[in-house]
Amino acid sequence: MIALRRAVVLSLTAGLLVCAVVAVIGSPGDIAAAFAATVVVTSVAGVLTWRRYTRPALTLAAETRAAAIDDDGRRPSTTGSGLDDVARAVQRLIDAHAARGLALGESTAMLRAVTDALREGLLAIDGRGEVVLINATAQELLRLREPVPFPVEWLPRERALRDVIAAAQNGQESTDIEVQVGDRTLALRARPLGRIDGKAGAGCVLAMDDLTPRQRLDAVRRDFVANVSHELRTPLTIISGVAETLDDDAMPAESRKQFVQMVATNARRMQRIVDDLLDLSRIESGGWLPNPGDVDVRAVAQEIFAPLREEADRKGVTLGLSLDGGDRVYADSTAIRQVLSNLAENALRHTGSGHVTIFTERAVPDDDTPAGGVWLGVRDSGSGIPPAHLERIFERFYRADPGRSREAGGTGLGLAIVKHLAEAHGGRVRATSMVGAGTLIAAYFPPATPRG
């Protein structure tokens, strides 16, 4: 605009001088012609100046404003305008701004990836009381899905949590503060950020560990130790008492024989508990891996039924086979024997009369059971399991009828072993039952995986 004004002023000045000279030495017609020529020259000079300087300058200003808002990759087009140096300087500024923005974006993405990879929950609160950073673990622990930034008031309202944050914002560091948030127990550590100009209300960083799995594991460990102690205490007490009784030399031979039989029975029971615990520990720890192959279910069932026939005949129980799903299962043969042995013995233990049947059936394809898999299990016509107990029968040492199970010789670990053996093959277990009508327990074994 300055260049345009200068060109116009110069043109007008020159025109007026020409008009003045013409007025002195020329006629009125010459004066009019000179004035018209001055107007034309001035207009042409203005247009040329607009095209040469003013329009490129306005374009450069517009593109600079656009780049300040959003760099869309456009370059200032001022070639030949005399503003090339200015355009190049502006472009260098735009490029530097874009590079800083790209670097900032990469740093932000890297920070987000690193914090999201942490098993520890992490969030940062600025001096205005807004959460400006929260990683995926903290979102899960606090059940938050709001995008940052959001007010600190949106965090859970547990008083202990709010007290820790308030203390950190006032410059007090807190470590290992246990807080109950919903159904989770969290260990909090809060550290204040640097104060700005010494003012109160600075931001803080809050880290949190989920103690809930550790507490559950401790509870399971305590229950396990208590259950093992309880299971072993009874046979040990019997053996100890019988040993003291056998010390009496005057005991009749027949009574002595009965007591010796009691010792042997309870010793075998303890051996079974120890063996089952070792098997379960080996499977759970990954120390045992299945070696799958085609297993003849019919042949395995005959092996399983052989030692059970005497008791089954005594109780009036029929041992049968129903192989609607085929007589072959792709699984580890030792695991199949253990699964069927535990299920058949458990079924016969709780069946007074009727039947105990080993069966196979083809799995109906769904999300958990792809086509080609087989359900292998045992169904009986026994006493059944109450619905309240059905979901827990695969837990270690869990018994729907503790007294009866122990009297019958069960260890309380058989179904837990069945569950873990099935899962080691990539399968699962299911159980259905009706009190007084019988129970069905089965393990799913996936089809063979084609070898590439």
Protein backbone atom coordinates (compact mmCIF):
# COMPACT_ATOMS: atom_id res chain seq x y z
CA MET A 1 0.00 0.00 0.00
CA ILE A 2 2.89 2.40 0.73
CA ALA A 3 4.43 1.65 -2.68
CA LEU A 4 1.04 2.26 -4.33
CA ARG A 5 0.64 5.59 -2.58
CA ARG A 6 4.16 6.63 -3.54
CA ALA A 7 3.60 5.73 -7.20
CA VAL A 8 0.31 7.63 -7.31
CA VAL A 9 1.83 10.69 -5.60
CA LEU A 10 4.78 10.71 -7.96
CA SER A 11 2.52 10.35 -11.01
CA LEU A 12 0.21 13.13 -9.84
CA THR A 13 3.12 15.39 -9.04
CA ALA A 14 4.66 14.83 -12.47
CA GLY A 15 1.26 15.40 -14.12
CA LEU A 16 0.66 18.62 -12.25
CA LEU A 17 4.07 19.91 -13.26
CA VAL A 18 3.31 19.11 -16.87
CA CYS A 19 -0.07 20.86 -16.58
CA ALA A 20 1.59 23.94 -15.07
CA VAL A 21 4.10 24.14 -17.91
CA VAL A 22 1.38 23.67 -20.51
CA ALA A 23 -0.74 26.37 -18.83
CA VAL A 24 2.10 28.87 -19.23
CA ILE A 25 3.06 28.14 -22.80
CA GLY A 26 0.03 26.37 -24.24
CA SER A 27 -3.66 26.77 -24.97
CA PRO A 28 -6.62 25.61 -22.78
CA GLY A 29 -7.05 22.56 -24.99
CA ASP A 30 -3.48 21.58 -24.36
CA ILE A 31 -4.10 21.91 -20.64
CA ALA A 32 -7.07 19.51 -20.79
CA ALA A 33 -5.05 17.02 -22.82
CA ALA A 34 -2.17 17.21 -20.37
CA PHE A 35 -4.53 16.66 -17.43
CA ALA A 36 -6.12 13.66 -19.11
CA ALA A 37 -2.69 12.23 -19.87
CA THR A 38 -1.75 12.72 -16.23
CA VAL A 39 -4.82 10.82 -15.04
CA VAL A 40 -4.11 7.94 -17.44
CA VAL A 41 -0.45 7.71 -16.46
CA THR A 42 -1.33 7.86 -12.77
CA SER A 43 -3.92 5.05 -13.15
CA VAL A 44 -1.53 2.85 -15.09
CA ALA A 45 1.19 3.43 -12.53
CA GLY A 46 -1.24 2.51 -9.72
CA VAL A 47 -2.32 -0.69 -11.44
CA LEU A 48 1.25 -1.73 -12.17
CA THR A 49 2.25 -0.97 -8.61
CA TRP A 50 -0.74 -3.00 -7.30
CA ARG A 51 0.25 -5.99 -9.37
CA ARG A 52 3.94 -5.67 -8.62
CA TYR A 53 3.93 -5.00 -4.89
CA THR A 54 0.61 -4.62 -3.15
CA ARG A 55 -1.16 -7.83 -4.26
CA PRO A 56 1.85 -10.08 -3.48
CA ALA A 57 2.18 -8.40 -0.09
CA LEU A 58 -1.50 -9.03 0.71
CA THR A 59 -1.18 -12.64 -0.52
CA LEU A 60 1.91 -13.15 1.64
CA ALA A 61 0.10 -11.76 4.69
CA ALA A 62 -2.92 -14.03 4.10
CA GLU A 63 -0.78 -17.13 3.66
CA THR A 64 1.23 -16.28 6.76
CA ARG A 65 -1.98 -15.97 8.79
CA ALA A 66 -3.21 -19.30 7.41
CA ALA A 67 0.09 -20.99 8.30
CA ALA A 68 -0.15 -19.64 11.83
CA ILE A 69 -3.53 -21.34 12.18
CA ASP A 70 -2.94 -24.55 10.23
CA ASP A 71 0.03 -25.39 8.03
CA ASP A 72 -1.52 -26.90 4.91
CA GLY A 73 1.77 -27.07 2.99
CA ARG A 74 1.19 -23.99 0.80
CA ARG A 75 4.20 -21.82 -0.11
CA PRO A 76 4.11 -17.99 -0.56
CA SER A 77 3.95 -17.13 -4.28
CA THR A 78 5.82 -13.82 -4.65
CA THR A 79 8.33 -14.58 -7.40
CA GLY A 80 9.41 -11.44 -9.17
CA SER A 81 7.54 -9.14 -6.82
CA GLY A 82 10.49 -7.78 -4.97
CA LEU A 83 9.27 -9.55 -1.82
CA ASP A 84 11.15 -12.79 -2.43
CA ASP A 85 13.47 -12.29 0.53
CA VAL A 86 10.51 -11.62 2.81
CA ALA A 87 8.68 -14.69 1.44
CA ARG A 88 11.69 -16.91 2.01
CA ALA A 89 12.07 -15.63 5.56
CA VAL A 90 8.38 -16.27 6.22
CA GLN A 91 8.70 -19.75 4.72
CA ARG A 92 11.63 -20.52 7.00
CA LEU A 93 9.49 -19.50 9.93
CA ILE A 94 6.65 -21.69 8.68
CA ASP A 95 8.99 -24.68 8.20
CA ALA A 96 10.50 -24.19 11.66
CA HIS A 97 7.03 -23.98 13.16
CA ALA A 98 5.95 -27.16 11.34
CA ALA A 99 9.11 -29.01 12.45
CA ARG A 100 8.53 -28.02 16.06
CA GLY A 101 4.90 -29.10 15.80
CA LEU A 102 5.93 -32.46 14.32
CA ALA A 103 8.57 -32.99 17.00
CA LEU A 104 6.06 -32.07 19.69
CA GLY A 105 3.52 -34.50 18.23
CA GLU A 106 6.09 -37.30 18.13
CA SER A 107 7.17 -36.58 21.70
CA THR A 108 3.55 -36.57 22.86
CA ALA A 109 2.86 -39.87 21.08
CA MET A 110 6.01 -41.40 22.57
CA LEU A 111 5.08 -40.19 26.06
CA ARG A 112 1.59 -41.62 25.64
CA ALA A 113 2.94 -44.97 24.44
CA VAL A 114 5.41 -45.19 27.32
CA THR A 115 2.88 -44.29 30.00
CA ASP A 116 0.25 -46.63 28.56
CA ALA A 117 2.79 -49.48 28.69
CA LEU A 118 3.24 -49.05 32.44
CA ARG A 119 1.58 -51.57 34.72
CA GLU A 120 1.31 -48.71 37.21
CA GLY A 121 -1.48 -46.18 36.98
CA LEU A 122 -0.27 -42.62 36.36
CA LEU A 123 -2.01 -39.25 36.12
CA ALA A 124 -0.88 -35.64 36.22
CA ILE A 125 -2.85 -32.65 37.50
CA ASP A 126 -1.90 -29.10 36.60
CA GLY A 127 -2.07 -25.99 38.76
CA ARG A 128 -5.59 -25.20 37.53
CA GLY A 129 -6.92 -28.46 38.95
CA GLU A 130 -7.29 -30.25 35.63
CA VAL A 131 -6.11 -33.77 34.79
CA VAL A 132 -3.81 -33.23 31.83
CA LEU A 133 -2.37 -36.76 31.55
CA ILE A 134 -3.75 -40.17 32.45
CA ASN A 135 -2.51 -43.51 31.18
CA ALA A 136 -4.56 -46.55 30.24
CA THR A 137 -3.90 -48.36 33.54
CA ALA A 138 -5.15 -45.41 35.61
CA GLN A 139 -8.23 -45.11 33.39
CA GLU A 140 -9.02 -48.78 34.05
CA LEU A 141 -8.35 -48.59 37.79
CA LEU A 142 -10.44 -45.43 38.23
CA ARG A 143 -13.02 -46.43 35.60
CA LEU A 144 -12.59 -43.23 33.60
CA ARG A 145 -13.03 -42.75 29.86
CA GLU A 146 -13.09 -38.96 29.58
CA PRO A 147 -10.46 -37.41 27.25
CA VAL A 148 -7.95 -35.06 28.84
CA PRO A 149 -8.02 -32.41 30.03
CA PHE A 150 -10.89 -32.73 32.48
CA PRO A 151 -11.53 -31.32 35.97
CA VAL A 152 -10.14 -33.16 38.97
CA GLU A 153 -13.70 -33.19 40.34
CA TRP A 154 -14.49 -35.94 37.83
CA LEU A 155 -12.18 -38.36 39.66
CA PRO A 156 -13.79 -40.84 42.11
CA ARG A 157 -15.03 -39.12 45.25
CA GLU A 158 -13.32 -41.39 47.81
CA ARG A 159 -12.18 -39.09 50.57
CA ALA A 160 -8.74 -40.66 51.00
CA LEU A 161 -7.99 -40.19 47.28
CA ARG A 162 -9.04 -36.53 47.38
CA ASP A 163 -6.96 -35.95 50.53
CA VAL A 164 -3.83 -37.37 48.88
CA ILE A 165 -4.30 -35.13 45.82
CA ALA A 166 -4.98 -32.03 47.93
CA ALA A 167 -1.88 -32.67 50.03
CA ALA A 168 0.30 -33.07 46.93
CA GLN A 169 -1.08 -29.86 45.42
CA ASN A 170 -0.04 -28.10 48.61
CA GLY A 171 3.51 -29.43 48.37
CA GLN A 172 3.26 -32.53 50.59
CA GLU A 173 4.60 -35.82 49.22
CA SER A 174 2.69 -39.02 50.08
CA THR A 175 3.85 -42.64 49.68
CA ASP A 176 2.15 -46.02 49.97
CA ILE A 177 -1.26 -44.76 51.00
CA GLU A 178 -3.84 -47.55 50.65
CA VAL A 179 -7.17 -46.39 49.27
CA GLN A 180 -10.31 -48.37 48.53
CA VAL A 181 -11.78 -47.28 45.19
CA GLY A 182 -14.85 -49.31 44.37
CA ASP A 183 -13.93 -52.99 44.65
CA ARG A 184 -10.19 -52.30 44.24
CA THR A 185 -7.50 -51.55 46.78
CA LEU A 186 -4.94 -49.07 45.44
CA ALA A 187 -1.55 -48.03 46.82
CA LEU A 188 -1.06 -44.32 46.03
CA ARG A 189 2.11 -42.26 45.74
CA ALA A 190 1.74 -38.53 45.10
CA ARG A 191 4.48 -36.03 44.31
CA PRO A 192 3.95 -32.27 43.91
CA LEU A 193 5.18 -30.53 40.80
CA GLY A 194 7.24 -27.34 41.05
CA ARG A 195 5.32 -24.29 42.21
CA ILE A 196 4.89 -21.47 39.73
CA ASP A 197 6.13 -18.11 41.10
CA GLY A 198 5.88 -19.59 44.59
CA LYS A 199 2.11 -19.70 44.39
CA ALA A 200 0.06 -22.39 46.13
CA GLY A 201 -2.09 -24.77 44.17
CA ALA A 202 0.71 -26.24 42.05
CA GLY A 203 0.11 -29.42 40.08
CA CYS A 204 1.01 -32.95 41.12
CA VAL A 205 1.71 -36.42 39.77
CA LEU A 206 -0.20 -39.40 41.17
CA ALA A 207 0.98 -43.01 40.76
CA MET A 208 -1.09 -46.00 41.80
CA ASP A 209 -0.62 -49.76 42.14
CA ASP A 210 -3.51 -52.21 42.16
CA LEU A 211 -3.13 -54.35 45.29
CA THR A 212 -6.31 -56.34 44.61
CA PRO A 213 -4.71 -59.28 42.69
CA ARG A 214 -2.00 -59.57 45.34
CA GLN A 215 -4.58 -59.59 48.12
CA ARG A 216 -6.63 -62.21 46.29
CA LEU A 217 -3.51 -64.32 45.78
CA ASP A 218 -2.69 -64.04 49.47
CA ALA A 219 -6.26 -65.09 50.30
CA VAL A 220 -6.03 -68.07 47.94
CA ARG A 221 -2.68 -69.03 49.45
CA ARG A 222 -4.09 -68.84 52.98
CA ASP A 223 -7.14 -70.87 51.96
CA PHE A 224 -4.93 -73.42 50.25
CA VAL A 225 -2.69 -73.88 53.28
CA ALA A 226 -5.75 -74.12 55.54
CA ASN A 227 -7.43 -76.64 53.24
CA VAL A 228 -4.33 -78.83 52.91
CA SER A 229 -3.80 -78.74 56.66
CA HIS A 230 -7.43 -79.66 57.21
CA GLU A 231 -7.38 -82.49 54.67
CA LEU A 232 -4.21 -84.01 56.10
CA ARG A 233 -5.12 -83.49 59.74
CA THR A 234 -7.90 -86.10 59.75
CA PRO A 235 -5.90 -89.06 58.39
CA LEU A 236 -2.86 -88.07 60.46
CA THR A 237 -4.99 -87.98 63.60
CA ILE A 238 -6.43 -91.40 62.80
CA ILE A 239 -3.00 -92.88 62.08
CA SER A 240 -1.57 -91.37 65.27
CA GLY A 241 -4.44 -92.69 67.39
CA VAL A 242 -4.29 -96.14 65.82
CA ALA A 243 -0.52 -96.31 66.32
CA GLU A 244 -0.97 -95.67 70.05
CA THR A 245 -3.69 -98.32 70.20
CA LEU A 246 -1.53 -100.89 68.40
CA ASP A 247 1.09 -100.43 71.09
CA ASP A 248 -1.11 -102.52 73.38
CA ASP A 249 0.24 -106.10 73.25
CA ALA A 250 -2.98 -107.48 74.67
CA MET A 251 -5.02 -106.38 71.64
CA PRO A 252 -6.78 -109.27 69.88
CA ALA A 253 -5.40 -110.21 66.47
CA GLU A 254 -8.68 -109.43 64.72
CA SER A 255 -8.81 -105.90 66.15
CA ARG A 256 -5.15 -105.41 65.35
CA LYS A 257 -5.84 -106.35 61.73
CA GLN A 258 -8.69 -103.83 61.51
CA PHE A 259 -6.54 -101.06 62.94
CA VAL A 260 -3.71 -101.86 60.53
CA GLN A 261 -6.23 -101.63 57.70
CA MET A 262 -7.29 -98.20 58.94
CA VAL A 263 -3.67 -97.05 58.92
CA ALA A 264 -3.20 -98.31 55.38
CA THR A 265 -6.44 -96.66 54.18
CA ASN A 266 -5.59 -93.27 55.63
CA ALA A 267 -2.00 -93.48 54.42
CA ARG A 268 -3.29 -94.12 50.90
CA ARG A 269 -5.62 -91.17 51.22
CA MET A 270 -2.76 -88.87 52.21
CA GLN A 271 -0.74 -90.25 49.31
CA ARG A 272 -3.57 -89.45 46.91
CA ILE A 273 -3.84 -85.91 48.26
CA VAL A 274 -0.10 -85.38 47.86
CA ASP A 275 -0.11 -86.89 44.35
CA ASP A 276 -3.05 -84.75 43.28
CA LEU A 277 -1.40 -81.62 44.70
CA LEU A 278 1.81 -82.38 42.82
CA ASP A 279 -0.11 -82.99 39.60
CA LEU A 280 -2.10 -79.79 40.00
CA SER A 281 1.02 -77.76 40.80
CA ARG A 282 2.85 -79.17 37.78
CA ILE A 283 -0.04 -78.36 35.42
CA GLU A 284 -0.65 -74.86 36.81
CA SER A 285 3.03 -73.91 36.72
CA GLY A 286 3.44 -74.96 33.10
CA GLY A 287 5.79 -77.80 34.04
CA TRP A 288 3.55 -80.19 32.13
CA LEU A 289 2.65 -79.71 28.48
CA PRO A 290 0.26 -81.98 26.58
CA ASN A 291 1.52 -84.23 23.80
CA PRO A 292 -1.71 -84.60 21.81
CA GLY A 293 -2.60 -87.40 19.45
CA ASP A 294 -5.59 -89.56 18.49
CA VAL A 295 -6.87 -91.32 21.62
CA ASP A 296 -9.24 -94.31 21.49
CA VAL A 297 -11.92 -93.34 23.99
CA ARG A 298 -13.48 -96.82 23.98
CA ALA A 299 -10.22 -98.48 25.00
CA VAL A 300 -9.50 -95.88 27.70
CA ALA A 301 -13.04 -96.23 29.09
CA GLN A 302 -12.58 -100.00 29.49
CA GLU A 303 -9.38 -99.35 31.44
CA ILE A 304 -11.14 -96.84 33.66
CA PHE A 305 -14.16 -99.06 34.31
CA ALA A 306 -12.16 -102.19 35.18
CA PRO A 307 -11.26 -101.26 38.80
CA LEU A 308 -14.72 -99.72 39.35
CA ARG A 309 -16.88 -102.69 38.36
CA GLU A 310 -16.83 -104.40 41.75
CA GLU A 311 -18.11 -101.30 43.56
CA ALA A 312 -20.56 -100.55 40.73
CA ASP A 313 -22.03 -104.07 40.93
CA ARG A 314 -22.31 -103.79 44.70
CA LYS A 315 -24.25 -100.51 44.37
CA GLY A 316 -26.32 -101.60 41.40
CA VAL A 317 -24.80 -99.03 39.04
CA THR A 318 -24.45 -99.73 35.33
CA LEU A 319 -21.22 -98.55 33.68
CA GLY A 320 -21.86 -97.56 30.07
CA LEU A 321 -20.52 -95.83 26.94
CA SER A 322 -22.22 -93.35 24.62
CA LEU A 323 -19.91 -92.23 21.80
CA ASP A 324 -22.20 -90.04 19.68
CA GLY A 325 -19.28 -87.70 19.09
CA GLY A 326 -17.02 -90.49 17.87
CA ASP A 327 -14.60 -92.81 19.60
CA ARG A 328 -11.54 -90.64 18.95
CA VAL A 329 -10.34 -87.51 20.73
CA TYR A 330 -7.29 -85.46 19.78
CA ALA A 331 -5.56 -84.99 23.14
CA ASP A 332 -2.79 -86.24 25.41
CA SER A 333 -3.53 -89.88 26.23
CA THR A 334 -2.32 -89.60 29.84
CA ALA A 335 -4.49 -86.53 30.36
CA ILE A 336 -7.55 -88.30 28.91
CA ARG A 337 -7.04 -91.21 31.32
CA GLN A 338 -6.75 -88.84 34.25
CA VAL A 339 -9.80 -86.80 33.20
CA LEU A 340 -12.03 -89.88 32.75
CA SER A 341 -10.69 -91.56 35.89
CA ASN A 342 -11.43 -88.52 38.07
CA LEU A 343 -14.88 -87.98 36.55
CA ALA A 344 -15.92 -91.67 36.66
CA GLU A 345 -14.72 -92.20 40.23
CA ASN A 346 -16.43 -88.99 41.33
CA ALA A 347 -19.70 -89.99 39.59
CA LEU A 348 -19.72 -93.49 41.09
CA ARG A 349 -18.95 -92.03 44.52
CA HIS A 350 -22.17 -89.98 44.38
CA THR A 351 -24.43 -92.49 42.62
CA GLY A 352 -26.33 -94.99 44.76
CA SER A 353 -28.01 -96.78 41.86
CA GLY A 354 -28.67 -96.18 38.18
CA HIS A 355 -25.88 -95.49 35.68
CA VAL A 356 -22.50 -93.89 35.14
CA THR A 357 -21.82 -93.23 31.47
CA ILE A 358 -18.71 -92.04 29.67
CA PHE A 359 -19.76 -90.07 26.58
CA THR A 360 -18.53 -88.01 23.67
CA GLU A 361 -20.48 -85.47 21.65
CA ARG A 362 -19.60 -83.13 18.83
CA ALA A 363 -19.25 -79.51 19.91
CA VAL A 364 -21.72 -77.01 18.48
CA PRO A 365 -19.55 -74.27 16.92
CA ASP A 366 -19.59 -70.94 18.74
CA ASP A 367 -17.09 -68.33 19.92
CA ASP A 368 -15.47 -70.73 22.44
CA THR A 369 -15.82 -74.05 20.64
CA PRO A 370 -14.79 -74.11 16.98
CA ALA A 371 -16.13 -76.75 14.62
CA GLY A 372 -14.50 -80.16 14.91
CA GLY A 373 -13.97 -80.17 18.69
CA VAL A 374 -15.31 -82.88 20.99
CA TRP A 375 -16.89 -82.82 24.43
CA LEU A 376 -15.68 -85.76 26.55
CA GLY A 377 -17.24 -86.39 29.93
CA VAL A 378 -19.29 -88.47 32.36
CA ARG A 379 -22.97 -88.29 33.24
CA ASP A 380 -24.68 -90.12 36.07
CA SER A 381 -28.04 -90.58 37.74
CA GLY A 382 -26.73 -89.76 41.20
CA SER A 383 -27.71 -87.33 43.92
CA GLY A 384 -26.96 -84.20 41.89
CA ILE A 385 -25.42 -80.89 42.93
CA PRO A 386 -27.41 -77.91 44.28
CA PRO A 387 -27.29 -74.84 41.97
CA ALA A 388 -25.54 -72.76 44.64
CA HIS A 389 -22.54 -75.11 44.55
CA LEU A 390 -22.40 -75.88 40.83
CA GLU A 391 -20.25 -72.90 39.80
CA ARG A 392 -17.60 -73.69 42.42
CA ILE A 393 -17.09 -77.41 42.00
CA PHE A 394 -13.91 -76.89 39.94
CA GLU A 395 -12.19 -75.03 42.79
CA ARG A 396 -9.52 -76.84 44.76
CA PHE A 397 -10.84 -78.64 47.85
CA TYR A 398 -14.37 -77.36 47.25
CA ARG A 399 -17.04 -79.92 48.15
CA ALA A 400 -20.78 -79.56 47.87
CA ASP A 401 -21.09 -82.26 50.59
CA PRO A 402 -17.79 -82.25 52.53
CA GLY A 403 -18.59 -85.01 55.00
CA ARG A 404 -19.83 -87.47 52.40
CA SER A 405 -16.95 -86.77 50.02
CA ARG A 406 -14.29 -87.41 52.64
CA GLU A 407 -15.99 -90.59 53.81
CA ALA A 408 -16.03 -91.82 50.22
CA GLY A 409 -12.32 -91.12 49.81
CA GLY A 410 -12.38 -87.99 47.64
CA THR A 411 -9.52 -85.51 47.85
CA GLY A 412 -11.45 -82.45 46.60
CA LEU A 413 -8.87 -81.93 43.84
CA GLY A 414 -10.12 -84.17 41.04
CA LEU A 415 -12.34 -81.64 39.27
CA ALA A 416 -9.72 -78.89 39.60
CA ILE A 417 -7.27 -81.22 37.82
CA VAL A 418 -9.85 -81.93 35.09
CA LYS A 419 -10.34 -78.19 34.55
CA HIS A 420 -6.63 -77.46 34.26
CA LEU A 421 -5.97 -80.42 31.97
CA ALA A 422 -8.71 -79.24 29.61
CA GLU A 423 -7.38 -75.67 29.64
CA ALA A 424 -3.85 -76.93 28.96
CA HIS A 425 -5.24 -78.29 25.67
CA GLY A 426 -6.91 -74.96 24.88
CA GLY A 427 -10.31 -76.29 26.00
CA ARG A 428 -12.70 -75.68 28.85
CA VAL A 429 -15.14 -77.49 31.16
CA ARG A 430 -18.86 -77.38 31.83
CA ALA A 431 -21.21 -78.90 34.39
CA THR A 432 -24.97 -79.31 34.59
CA SER A 433 -26.87 -80.99 37.38
CA MET A 434 -30.27 -81.46 38.92
CA VAL A 435 -30.68 -82.47 42.54
CA GLY A 436 -31.92 -86.06 42.71
CA ALA A 437 -31.64 -86.56 38.93
CA GLY A 438 -27.91 -86.68 38.27
CA THR A 439 -24.95 -84.68 37.02
CA LEU A 440 -23.09 -84.15 33.74
CA ILE A 441 -19.49 -82.93 33.73
CA ALA A 442 -17.53 -82.65 30.50
CA ALA A 443 -14.27 -81.25 29.12
CA TYR A 444 -13.98 -79.73 25.65
CA PHE A 445 -10.96 -80.67 23.52
CA PRO A 446 -10.33 -78.62 20.34
CA PRO A 447 -9.72 -80.25 16.96
CA ALA A 448 -6.25 -81.05 15.72
CA THR A 449 -4.40 -78.03 14.33
CA PRO A 450 -3.33 -78.59 10.71
CA ARG A 451 0.42 -78.62 10.30
CA GLY A 452 1.80 -76.15 7.85
